[in-house]
């Protein structure tokens, strides 16, 4: 089964509604924008990060028209975690392709929250920008940059509950 077929089968098996369409490869947001339909969904950008020790991994999702300052994210996480009595993540950096494959079963250019299907240990923590919390529909790659899954916010929350990874909404910008 392809990565896309795995995602779609998982969503169907968990009775999670979605729409999916295919298009030419779009490994970057700029490339993908050419192929996205004007379907009213918030198209999301996804990055996979690690902490300085390499023992914690984070998937970060946010609106595709925004950029994310990783240093600013470090400061926001440090403040939030310290206030909760937890250790700071320290310096964040992009995770290597090997780490991405290990934890999400994905290659660069195809990162999406649907990679959490492959994280059987629920190791990866998901940060979602606060603005996504109220978006009626979201869209992500189905773990393949040649497709787009459009999913309602309520069905996306159902998906997140089904995979079991920890997640939180955070003001990212």
N, C-alpha and C. Protein backbone atom coordinates (compact mmCIF):
# COMPACT_ATOMS: atom_id res chain seq x y z
N UNK A 1 0.83 -1.17 0.00
CA UNK A 1 0.00 0.00 0.00
C UNK A 1 0.89 1.25 0.00
N UNK A 2 0.50 2.27 -0.77
CA UNK A 2 1.27 3.52 -0.77
C UNK A 2 1.01 4.27 0.54
N UNK A 3 1.82 5.28 0.80
CA UNK A 3 1.61 6.10 2.00
C UNK A 3 0.24 6.77 1.96
N UNK A 4 -0.16 7.26 0.79
CA UNK A 4 -1.48 7.88 0.66
C UNK A 4 -2.58 6.87 0.93
N UNK A 5 -2.48 5.70 0.36
CA UNK A 5 -3.50 4.67 0.58
C UNK A 5 -3.59 4.29 2.05
N UNK A 6 -2.46 4.25 2.73
CA UNK A 6 -2.44 3.94 4.16
C UNK A 6 -3.22 4.99 4.94
N UNK A 7 -2.99 6.27 4.62
CA UNK A 7 -3.70 7.36 5.31
C UNK A 7 -5.20 7.26 5.05
N UNK A 8 -5.58 7.10 3.79
CA UNK A 8 -7.00 7.06 3.46
C UNK A 8 -7.68 5.85 4.09
N UNK A 9 -7.00 4.71 4.10
CA UNK A 9 -7.56 3.51 4.73
C UNK A 9 -7.72 3.72 6.23
N UNK A 10 -6.75 4.38 6.85
CA UNK A 10 -6.84 4.65 8.29
C UNK A 10 -8.05 5.55 8.58
N UNK A 11 -8.20 6.61 7.80
CA UNK A 11 -9.32 7.52 8.03
C UNK A 11 -10.66 6.80 7.84
N UNK A 12 -10.76 5.99 6.81
CA UNK A 12 -12.00 5.24 6.58
C UNK A 12 -12.26 4.25 7.73
N UNK A 13 -11.23 3.56 8.16
CA UNK A 13 -11.38 2.57 9.23
C UNK A 13 -11.83 3.20 10.55
N UNK A 14 -11.49 4.48 10.74
CA UNK A 14 -11.87 5.18 11.96
C UNK A 14 -13.08 6.09 11.75
N UNK A 15 -13.76 5.91 10.63
CA UNK A 15 -14.98 6.66 10.31
C UNK A 15 -14.74 8.17 10.41
N UNK A 16 -13.63 8.60 9.81
CA UNK A 16 -13.26 10.02 9.80
C UNK A 16 -13.50 10.55 8.39
N UNK A 17 -14.36 11.55 8.29
CA UNK A 17 -14.70 12.12 6.98
C UNK A 17 -13.55 12.93 6.40
N UNK A 18 -13.45 12.92 5.09
CA UNK A 18 -12.41 13.67 4.40
C UNK A 18 -12.72 13.70 2.90
N UNK A 19 -12.02 14.57 2.21
CA UNK A 19 -11.99 14.57 0.75
C UNK A 19 -10.52 14.53 0.37
N UNK A 20 -10.22 13.90 -0.74
CA UNK A 20 -8.82 13.83 -1.18
C UNK A 20 -8.78 14.06 -2.68
N UNK A 21 -7.78 14.81 -3.12
CA UNK A 21 -7.55 14.96 -4.55
C UNK A 21 -6.05 14.90 -4.82
N UNK A 22 -5.72 14.47 -6.00
CA UNK A 22 -4.31 14.33 -6.39
C UNK A 22 -3.92 15.42 -7.37
N UNK A 23 -2.63 15.67 -7.42
CA UNK A 23 -2.08 16.73 -8.27
C UNK A 23 -0.60 16.44 -8.47
N UNK A 24 0.07 17.20 -9.33
CA UNK A 24 1.52 17.02 -9.48
C UNK A 24 2.25 17.29 -8.16
N UNK A 25 3.45 16.77 -8.06
CA UNK A 25 4.26 16.89 -6.85
C UNK A 25 4.41 18.35 -6.42
N UNK A 26 4.29 18.57 -5.12
CA UNK A 26 4.48 19.90 -4.54
C UNK A 26 5.23 19.77 -3.22
N UNK A 27 6.56 19.68 -3.29
CA UNK A 27 7.36 19.46 -2.07
C UNK A 27 7.49 20.69 -1.20
N UNK A 28 7.29 21.87 -1.78
CA UNK A 28 7.33 23.10 -1.01
C UNK A 28 5.96 23.76 -1.08
N UNK A 29 5.71 24.68 -0.18
CA UNK A 29 4.43 25.40 -0.19
C UNK A 29 4.26 26.13 -1.51
N UNK A 30 5.32 26.75 -1.99
CA UNK A 30 5.23 27.50 -3.24
C UNK A 30 4.83 26.60 -4.41
N UNK A 31 5.39 25.40 -4.46
CA UNK A 31 5.02 24.45 -5.51
C UNK A 31 3.58 23.96 -5.32
N UNK A 32 3.24 23.63 -4.09
CA UNK A 32 1.91 23.07 -3.81
C UNK A 32 0.80 24.07 -4.08
N UNK A 33 1.05 25.35 -3.84
CA UNK A 33 0.02 26.37 -4.05
C UNK A 33 -0.52 26.35 -5.48
N UNK A 34 0.30 25.97 -6.42
CA UNK A 34 -0.15 25.92 -7.82
C UNK A 34 -1.23 24.88 -8.01
N UNK A 35 -1.27 23.86 -7.17
CA UNK A 35 -2.16 22.74 -7.38
C UNK A 35 -3.35 22.68 -6.41
N UNK A 36 -3.27 23.45 -5.33
CA UNK A 36 -4.35 23.40 -4.35
C UNK A 36 -5.63 23.98 -4.92
N UNK A 37 -6.72 23.37 -4.59
CA UNK A 37 -8.03 23.87 -4.99
C UNK A 37 -8.45 24.98 -4.03
N UNK A 38 -9.25 25.88 -4.54
CA UNK A 38 -9.81 26.93 -3.69
C UNK A 38 -11.04 26.35 -3.01
N UNK A 39 -10.80 25.53 -1.99
CA UNK A 39 -11.87 24.76 -1.36
C UNK A 39 -12.30 25.33 -0.01
N UNK A 40 -11.74 26.48 0.37
CA UNK A 40 -12.10 27.10 1.63
C UNK A 40 -11.33 26.60 2.83
N UNK A 41 -10.51 25.57 2.64
CA UNK A 41 -9.75 25.03 3.77
C UNK A 41 -8.51 25.88 4.03
N UNK A 42 -8.01 25.76 5.25
CA UNK A 42 -6.74 26.38 5.59
C UNK A 42 -5.67 25.36 5.22
N UNK A 43 -4.87 25.70 4.22
CA UNK A 43 -3.77 24.83 3.82
C UNK A 43 -2.65 25.02 4.83
N UNK A 44 -2.09 23.92 5.29
CA UNK A 44 -1.13 23.97 6.39
C UNK A 44 0.29 23.64 5.97
N UNK A 45 1.21 24.32 6.64
CA UNK A 45 2.63 24.05 6.50
C UNK A 45 3.02 23.23 7.72
N UNK A 46 3.89 22.26 7.52
CA UNK A 46 4.27 21.35 8.60
C UNK A 46 5.78 21.22 8.65
N UNK A 47 6.33 21.35 9.85
CA UNK A 47 7.77 21.17 10.00
C UNK A 47 8.02 20.19 11.14
N UNK A 48 9.09 19.43 11.01
CA UNK A 48 9.45 18.42 12.00
C UNK A 48 10.75 18.85 12.67
N UNK A 49 10.70 19.02 13.99
CA UNK A 49 11.84 19.54 14.75
C UNK A 49 12.27 18.56 15.82
N UNK A 50 13.47 18.79 16.31
CA UNK A 50 14.01 18.01 17.44
C UNK A 50 14.59 18.99 18.45
N UNK A 51 14.70 18.53 19.69
CA UNK A 51 15.35 19.37 20.69
C UNK A 51 16.87 19.18 20.59
N UNK A 52 17.61 19.95 21.39
CA UNK A 52 19.08 19.92 21.29
C UNK A 52 19.68 18.57 21.66
N UNK A 53 19.02 17.83 22.54
CA UNK A 53 19.53 16.51 22.91
C UNK A 53 19.12 15.42 21.90
N UNK A 54 18.14 15.71 21.09
CA UNK A 54 17.68 14.73 20.10
C UNK A 54 16.77 13.67 20.68
N UNK A 55 16.30 13.89 21.91
CA UNK A 55 15.44 12.88 22.53
C UNK A 55 13.95 13.27 22.52
N UNK A 56 13.64 14.44 22.01
CA UNK A 56 12.26 14.88 21.87
C UNK A 56 12.06 15.41 20.45
N UNK A 57 10.89 15.09 19.89
CA UNK A 57 10.59 15.49 18.52
C UNK A 57 9.23 16.15 18.47
N UNK A 58 9.13 17.17 17.64
CA UNK A 58 7.93 17.97 17.57
C UNK A 58 7.50 18.16 16.11
N UNK A 59 6.23 18.00 15.89
CA UNK A 59 5.65 18.32 14.60
C UNK A 59 4.88 19.62 14.81
N UNK A 60 5.13 20.60 13.96
CA UNK A 60 4.52 21.91 14.11
C UNK A 60 3.72 22.21 12.85
N UNK A 61 2.43 22.54 13.03
CA UNK A 61 1.54 22.83 11.90
C UNK A 61 0.99 24.24 12.03
N UNK A 62 0.99 24.96 10.92
CA UNK A 62 0.50 26.33 10.93
C UNK A 62 0.06 26.73 9.53
N UNK A 63 -0.62 27.85 9.44
CA UNK A 63 -1.15 28.35 8.18
C UNK A 63 -0.02 28.52 7.16
N UNK A 64 -0.25 28.06 5.96
CA UNK A 64 0.82 28.06 4.94
C UNK A 64 1.30 29.44 4.54
N UNK A 65 0.52 30.48 4.78
CA UNK A 65 0.92 31.83 4.39
C UNK A 65 1.78 32.52 5.45
N UNK A 66 2.04 31.83 6.54
CA UNK A 66 2.86 32.40 7.60
C UNK A 66 4.23 31.72 7.63
N UNK A 67 5.18 32.44 8.17
CA UNK A 67 6.50 31.87 8.42
C UNK A 67 6.65 31.71 9.93
N UNK A 68 7.52 30.83 10.31
CA UNK A 68 7.72 30.55 11.72
C UNK A 68 9.18 30.79 12.07
N UNK A 69 9.40 31.61 13.08
CA UNK A 69 10.74 31.87 13.59
C UNK A 69 11.02 30.81 14.65
N UNK A 70 11.95 29.90 14.37
CA UNK A 70 12.23 28.80 15.29
C UNK A 70 12.74 29.32 16.63
N UNK A 71 13.56 30.38 16.60
CA UNK A 71 14.06 30.94 17.87
C UNK A 71 12.89 31.46 18.71
N UNK A 72 11.94 32.11 18.07
CA UNK A 72 10.76 32.60 18.78
C UNK A 72 9.96 31.43 19.35
N UNK A 73 9.84 30.36 18.57
CA UNK A 73 9.14 29.16 19.05
C UNK A 73 9.86 28.59 20.28
N UNK A 74 11.18 28.54 20.25
CA UNK A 74 11.95 28.06 21.41
C UNK A 74 11.59 28.85 22.66
N UNK A 75 11.53 30.17 22.52
CA UNK A 75 11.23 31.04 23.66
C UNK A 75 9.81 30.81 24.17
N UNK A 76 8.86 30.65 23.25
CA UNK A 76 7.47 30.40 23.66
C UNK A 76 7.35 29.05 24.39
N UNK A 77 8.03 28.04 23.86
CA UNK A 77 7.98 26.72 24.50
C UNK A 77 8.66 26.74 25.86
N UNK A 78 9.79 27.41 25.93
CA UNK A 78 10.51 27.51 27.20
C UNK A 78 9.62 28.14 28.27
N UNK A 79 8.95 29.25 27.92
CA UNK A 79 8.09 29.94 28.87
C UNK A 79 6.92 29.04 29.29
N UNK A 80 6.29 28.36 28.34
CA UNK A 80 5.15 27.51 28.63
C UNK A 80 5.55 26.32 29.49
N UNK A 81 6.64 25.67 29.12
CA UNK A 81 7.08 24.48 29.85
C UNK A 81 7.57 24.83 31.25
N UNK A 82 8.32 25.91 31.37
CA UNK A 82 8.82 26.34 32.67
C UNK A 82 7.66 26.67 33.60
N UNK A 83 6.64 27.36 33.07
CA UNK A 83 5.46 27.70 33.88
C UNK A 83 4.74 26.44 34.35
N UNK A 84 4.83 25.36 33.57
CA UNK A 84 4.17 24.10 33.93
C UNK A 84 5.09 23.20 34.75
N UNK A 85 6.29 23.69 35.09
CA UNK A 85 7.22 22.90 35.90
C UNK A 85 7.93 21.81 35.12
N UNK A 86 7.98 21.95 33.81
CA UNK A 86 8.63 20.95 32.96
C UNK A 86 9.94 21.49 32.40
N UNK A 87 10.85 20.61 31.98
CA UNK A 87 12.12 21.10 31.44
C UNK A 87 11.95 21.76 30.07
N UNK A 88 12.78 22.73 29.83
CA UNK A 88 12.78 23.45 28.55
C UNK A 88 13.26 22.53 27.43
N UNK A 89 12.75 22.70 26.21
CA UNK A 89 13.24 21.88 25.11
C UNK A 89 14.64 22.27 24.67
N UNK A 90 15.12 23.44 25.11
CA UNK A 90 16.43 23.91 24.67
C UNK A 90 16.37 24.34 23.22
N UNK A 91 17.50 24.31 22.57
CA UNK A 91 17.58 24.74 21.18
C UNK A 91 16.86 23.75 20.28
N UNK A 92 16.04 24.27 19.38
CA UNK A 92 15.34 23.44 18.42
C UNK A 92 16.03 23.52 17.06
N UNK A 93 15.99 22.43 16.34
CA UNK A 93 16.51 22.42 14.97
C UNK A 93 15.67 21.46 14.15
N UNK A 94 15.82 21.56 12.84
CA UNK A 94 15.10 20.64 11.97
C UNK A 94 15.62 19.23 12.19
N UNK A 95 14.72 18.29 12.26
CA UNK A 95 15.11 16.89 12.43
C UNK A 95 15.64 16.36 11.10
N UNK A 96 16.55 15.44 11.17
CA UNK A 96 17.15 14.85 9.97
C UNK A 96 16.13 13.97 9.24
N UNK A 97 16.39 13.70 7.96
CA UNK A 97 15.52 12.77 7.23
C UNK A 97 15.44 11.40 7.90
N UNK A 98 16.54 10.97 8.52
CA UNK A 98 16.54 9.67 9.20
C UNK A 98 15.59 9.69 10.41
N UNK A 99 15.59 10.76 11.16
CA UNK A 99 14.68 10.89 12.31
C UNK A 99 13.23 10.97 11.82
N UNK A 100 13.03 11.70 10.74
CA UNK A 100 11.70 11.82 10.17
C UNK A 100 11.17 10.46 9.74
N UNK A 101 12.02 9.67 9.14
CA UNK A 101 11.62 8.32 8.71
C UNK A 101 11.34 7.45 9.94
N UNK A 102 12.21 7.55 10.96
CA UNK A 102 12.03 6.71 12.16
C UNK A 102 10.72 7.00 12.87
N UNK A 103 10.42 8.28 13.09
CA UNK A 103 9.27 8.63 13.92
C UNK A 103 7.98 8.81 13.14
N UNK A 104 8.07 9.28 11.91
CA UNK A 104 6.84 9.53 11.14
C UNK A 104 6.69 8.63 9.92
N UNK A 105 7.76 7.92 9.57
CA UNK A 105 7.70 7.07 8.38
C UNK A 105 7.60 7.90 7.10
N UNK A 106 8.16 9.11 7.13
CA UNK A 106 8.04 10.04 6.01
C UNK A 106 9.38 10.56 5.53
N UNK A 107 9.35 11.09 4.33
CA UNK A 107 10.52 11.72 3.72
C UNK A 107 10.28 13.23 3.67
N UNK A 108 11.35 14.02 3.60
CA UNK A 108 11.17 15.47 3.48
C UNK A 108 10.27 15.80 2.28
N UNK A 109 9.43 16.80 2.48
CA UNK A 109 8.50 17.20 1.43
C UNK A 109 7.13 16.56 1.55
N UNK A 110 7.00 15.59 2.45
CA UNK A 110 5.71 14.92 2.61
C UNK A 110 5.22 14.93 4.06
N UNK A 111 5.80 15.80 4.87
CA UNK A 111 5.46 15.84 6.29
C UNK A 111 4.03 16.33 6.49
N UNK A 112 3.31 15.63 7.33
CA UNK A 112 1.96 16.04 7.70
C UNK A 112 1.58 15.36 9.01
N UNK A 113 0.52 15.84 9.66
CA UNK A 113 0.07 15.18 10.88
C UNK A 113 -0.35 13.73 10.64
N UNK A 114 -0.62 13.36 9.40
CA UNK A 114 -0.99 11.98 9.12
C UNK A 114 0.20 11.03 9.30
N UNK A 115 1.41 11.57 9.40
CA UNK A 115 2.57 10.75 9.72
C UNK A 115 2.50 10.17 11.12
N UNK A 116 1.67 10.77 11.98
CA UNK A 116 1.52 10.26 13.34
C UNK A 116 0.96 8.84 13.35
N UNK A 117 0.32 8.44 12.26
CA UNK A 117 -0.17 7.06 12.13
C UNK A 117 1.00 6.09 12.34
N UNK A 118 2.18 6.49 11.89
CA UNK A 118 3.36 5.62 11.94
C UNK A 118 4.11 5.70 13.27
N UNK A 119 3.74 6.64 14.13
CA UNK A 119 4.42 6.83 15.41
C UNK A 119 3.73 5.97 16.47
N UNK A 120 3.98 4.68 16.42
CA UNK A 120 3.29 3.74 17.31
C UNK A 120 3.64 3.94 18.78
N UNK A 121 4.75 4.61 19.06
CA UNK A 121 5.13 4.89 20.45
C UNK A 121 4.55 6.21 20.96
N UNK A 122 3.88 6.95 20.07
CA UNK A 122 3.32 8.27 20.42
C UNK A 122 4.41 9.18 21.00
N UNK A 123 5.57 9.13 20.38
CA UNK A 123 6.74 9.89 20.82
C UNK A 123 6.64 11.36 20.41
N UNK A 124 6.15 11.63 19.22
CA UNK A 124 6.14 12.99 18.66
C UNK A 124 5.00 13.81 19.27
N UNK A 125 5.34 15.02 19.72
CA UNK A 125 4.35 15.95 20.24
C UNK A 125 3.98 16.92 19.12
N UNK A 126 2.69 17.17 18.95
CA UNK A 126 2.19 18.03 17.88
C UNK A 126 1.82 19.40 18.43
N UNK A 127 2.38 20.44 17.82
CA UNK A 127 1.98 21.81 18.11
C UNK A 127 1.22 22.33 16.91
N UNK A 128 0.03 22.86 17.17
CA UNK A 128 -0.80 23.44 16.13
C UNK A 128 -0.98 24.92 16.45
N UNK A 129 -0.86 25.75 15.43
CA UNK A 129 -1.08 27.16 15.69
C UNK A 129 -2.51 27.39 16.14
N UNK A 130 -2.68 28.29 17.07
CA UNK A 130 -3.99 28.60 17.67
C UNK A 130 -5.03 28.95 16.61
N UNK A 131 -4.62 29.58 15.51
CA UNK A 131 -5.59 29.97 14.47
C UNK A 131 -6.24 28.75 13.81
N UNK A 132 -5.59 27.59 13.85
CA UNK A 132 -6.16 26.39 13.24
C UNK A 132 -7.30 25.82 14.07
N UNK A 133 -7.34 26.19 15.33
CA UNK A 133 -8.36 25.66 16.23
C UNK A 133 -9.77 26.05 15.80
N UNK A 134 -9.92 27.19 15.14
CA UNK A 134 -11.23 27.67 14.74
C UNK A 134 -11.47 27.59 13.23
N UNK A 135 -10.51 27.08 12.49
CA UNK A 135 -10.69 26.94 11.04
C UNK A 135 -11.71 25.83 10.77
N UNK A 136 -12.73 26.09 9.95
CA UNK A 136 -13.74 25.06 9.68
C UNK A 136 -13.16 23.80 9.02
N UNK A 137 -12.24 24.00 8.07
CA UNK A 137 -11.60 22.86 7.41
C UNK A 137 -10.11 23.13 7.25
N UNK A 138 -9.35 22.04 7.26
CA UNK A 138 -7.90 22.09 7.12
C UNK A 138 -7.50 21.19 5.97
N UNK A 139 -6.31 21.44 5.43
CA UNK A 139 -5.81 20.52 4.41
C UNK A 139 -4.34 20.23 4.63
N UNK A 140 -4.00 18.97 4.37
CA UNK A 140 -2.64 18.46 4.57
C UNK A 140 -2.32 17.47 3.46
N UNK A 141 -1.03 17.21 3.25
CA UNK A 141 -0.62 16.10 2.38
C UNK A 141 -1.07 14.78 3.03
N UNK A 142 -1.44 13.80 2.23
CA UNK A 142 -1.71 12.46 2.78
C UNK A 142 -0.42 11.64 2.85
N UNK A 143 0.62 12.25 3.45
CA UNK A 143 1.96 11.65 3.56
C UNK A 143 2.60 11.44 2.19
N UNK A 144 2.11 12.17 1.21
CA UNK A 144 2.63 12.14 -0.15
C UNK A 144 2.34 13.51 -0.74
N UNK A 145 3.37 14.17 -1.25
CA UNK A 145 3.20 15.55 -1.73
C UNK A 145 2.50 15.64 -3.08
N UNK A 146 1.93 14.55 -3.53
CA UNK A 146 1.16 14.56 -4.77
C UNK A 146 -0.34 14.47 -4.50
N UNK A 147 -0.72 14.79 -3.28
CA UNK A 147 -2.13 14.75 -2.92
C UNK A 147 -2.44 15.72 -1.81
N UNK A 148 -3.71 16.01 -1.65
CA UNK A 148 -4.19 16.89 -0.58
C UNK A 148 -5.43 16.27 0.03
N UNK A 149 -5.45 16.19 1.35
CA UNK A 149 -6.63 15.74 2.10
C UNK A 149 -7.25 16.98 2.73
N UNK A 150 -8.53 17.16 2.48
CA UNK A 150 -9.30 18.24 3.10
C UNK A 150 -10.17 17.58 4.16
N UNK A 151 -10.09 18.11 5.39
CA UNK A 151 -10.75 17.48 6.52
C UNK A 151 -11.36 18.55 7.42
N UNK A 152 -12.58 18.30 7.89
CA UNK A 152 -13.20 19.27 8.80
C UNK A 152 -12.41 19.29 10.11
N UNK A 153 -12.53 20.39 10.80
CA UNK A 153 -11.82 20.52 12.06
C UNK A 153 -12.27 19.44 13.04
N UNK A 154 -13.56 19.17 13.10
CA UNK A 154 -14.04 18.15 14.04
C UNK A 154 -13.52 16.76 13.67
N UNK A 155 -13.44 16.46 12.38
CA UNK A 155 -12.89 15.17 11.98
C UNK A 155 -11.38 15.11 12.22
N UNK A 156 -10.71 16.25 12.09
CA UNK A 156 -9.27 16.27 12.39
C UNK A 156 -9.04 16.01 13.88
N UNK A 157 -9.88 16.59 14.73
CA UNK A 157 -9.76 16.34 16.18
C UNK A 157 -10.03 14.86 16.48
N UNK A 158 -10.96 14.29 15.77
CA UNK A 158 -11.26 12.85 15.92
C UNK A 158 -10.03 12.03 15.52
N UNK A 159 -9.39 12.45 14.43
CA UNK A 159 -8.16 11.77 13.98
C UNK A 159 -7.09 11.86 15.07
N UNK A 160 -6.86 13.06 15.61
CA UNK A 160 -5.83 13.23 16.63
C UNK A 160 -6.12 12.36 17.86
N UNK A 161 -7.36 12.26 18.24
CA UNK A 161 -7.72 11.39 19.37
C UNK A 161 -7.42 9.93 19.05
N UNK A 162 -7.63 9.54 17.80
CA UNK A 162 -7.43 8.14 17.43
C UNK A 162 -5.96 7.73 17.42
N UNK A 163 -5.05 8.65 17.03
CA UNK A 163 -3.64 8.27 16.98
C UNK A 163 -2.99 8.29 18.36
N UNK A 164 -3.50 9.13 19.25
CA UNK A 164 -3.02 9.10 20.63
C UNK A 164 -1.81 9.96 20.96
N UNK A 165 -1.23 10.63 20.00
CA UNK A 165 -0.10 11.52 20.30
C UNK A 165 -0.60 12.73 21.09
N UNK A 166 0.29 13.28 21.91
CA UNK A 166 -0.05 14.50 22.61
C UNK A 166 -0.02 15.65 21.63
N UNK A 167 -0.89 16.63 21.86
CA UNK A 167 -0.92 17.80 20.99
C UNK A 167 -1.46 18.97 21.77
N UNK A 168 -1.18 20.15 21.25
CA UNK A 168 -1.72 21.37 21.87
C UNK A 168 -1.72 22.49 20.85
N UNK A 169 -2.65 23.40 21.08
CA UNK A 169 -2.71 24.61 20.27
C UNK A 169 -1.89 25.67 20.98
N UNK A 170 -1.10 26.39 20.21
CA UNK A 170 -0.18 27.37 20.76
C UNK A 170 -0.13 28.56 19.80
N UNK A 171 -0.09 29.74 20.35
CA UNK A 171 0.05 30.93 19.50
C UNK A 171 1.48 30.95 18.97
N UNK A 172 1.63 30.71 17.67
CA UNK A 172 2.97 30.57 17.09
C UNK A 172 3.51 31.86 16.47
N UNK A 173 2.64 32.80 16.16
CA UNK A 173 3.10 34.07 15.56
C UNK A 173 2.17 35.18 15.92
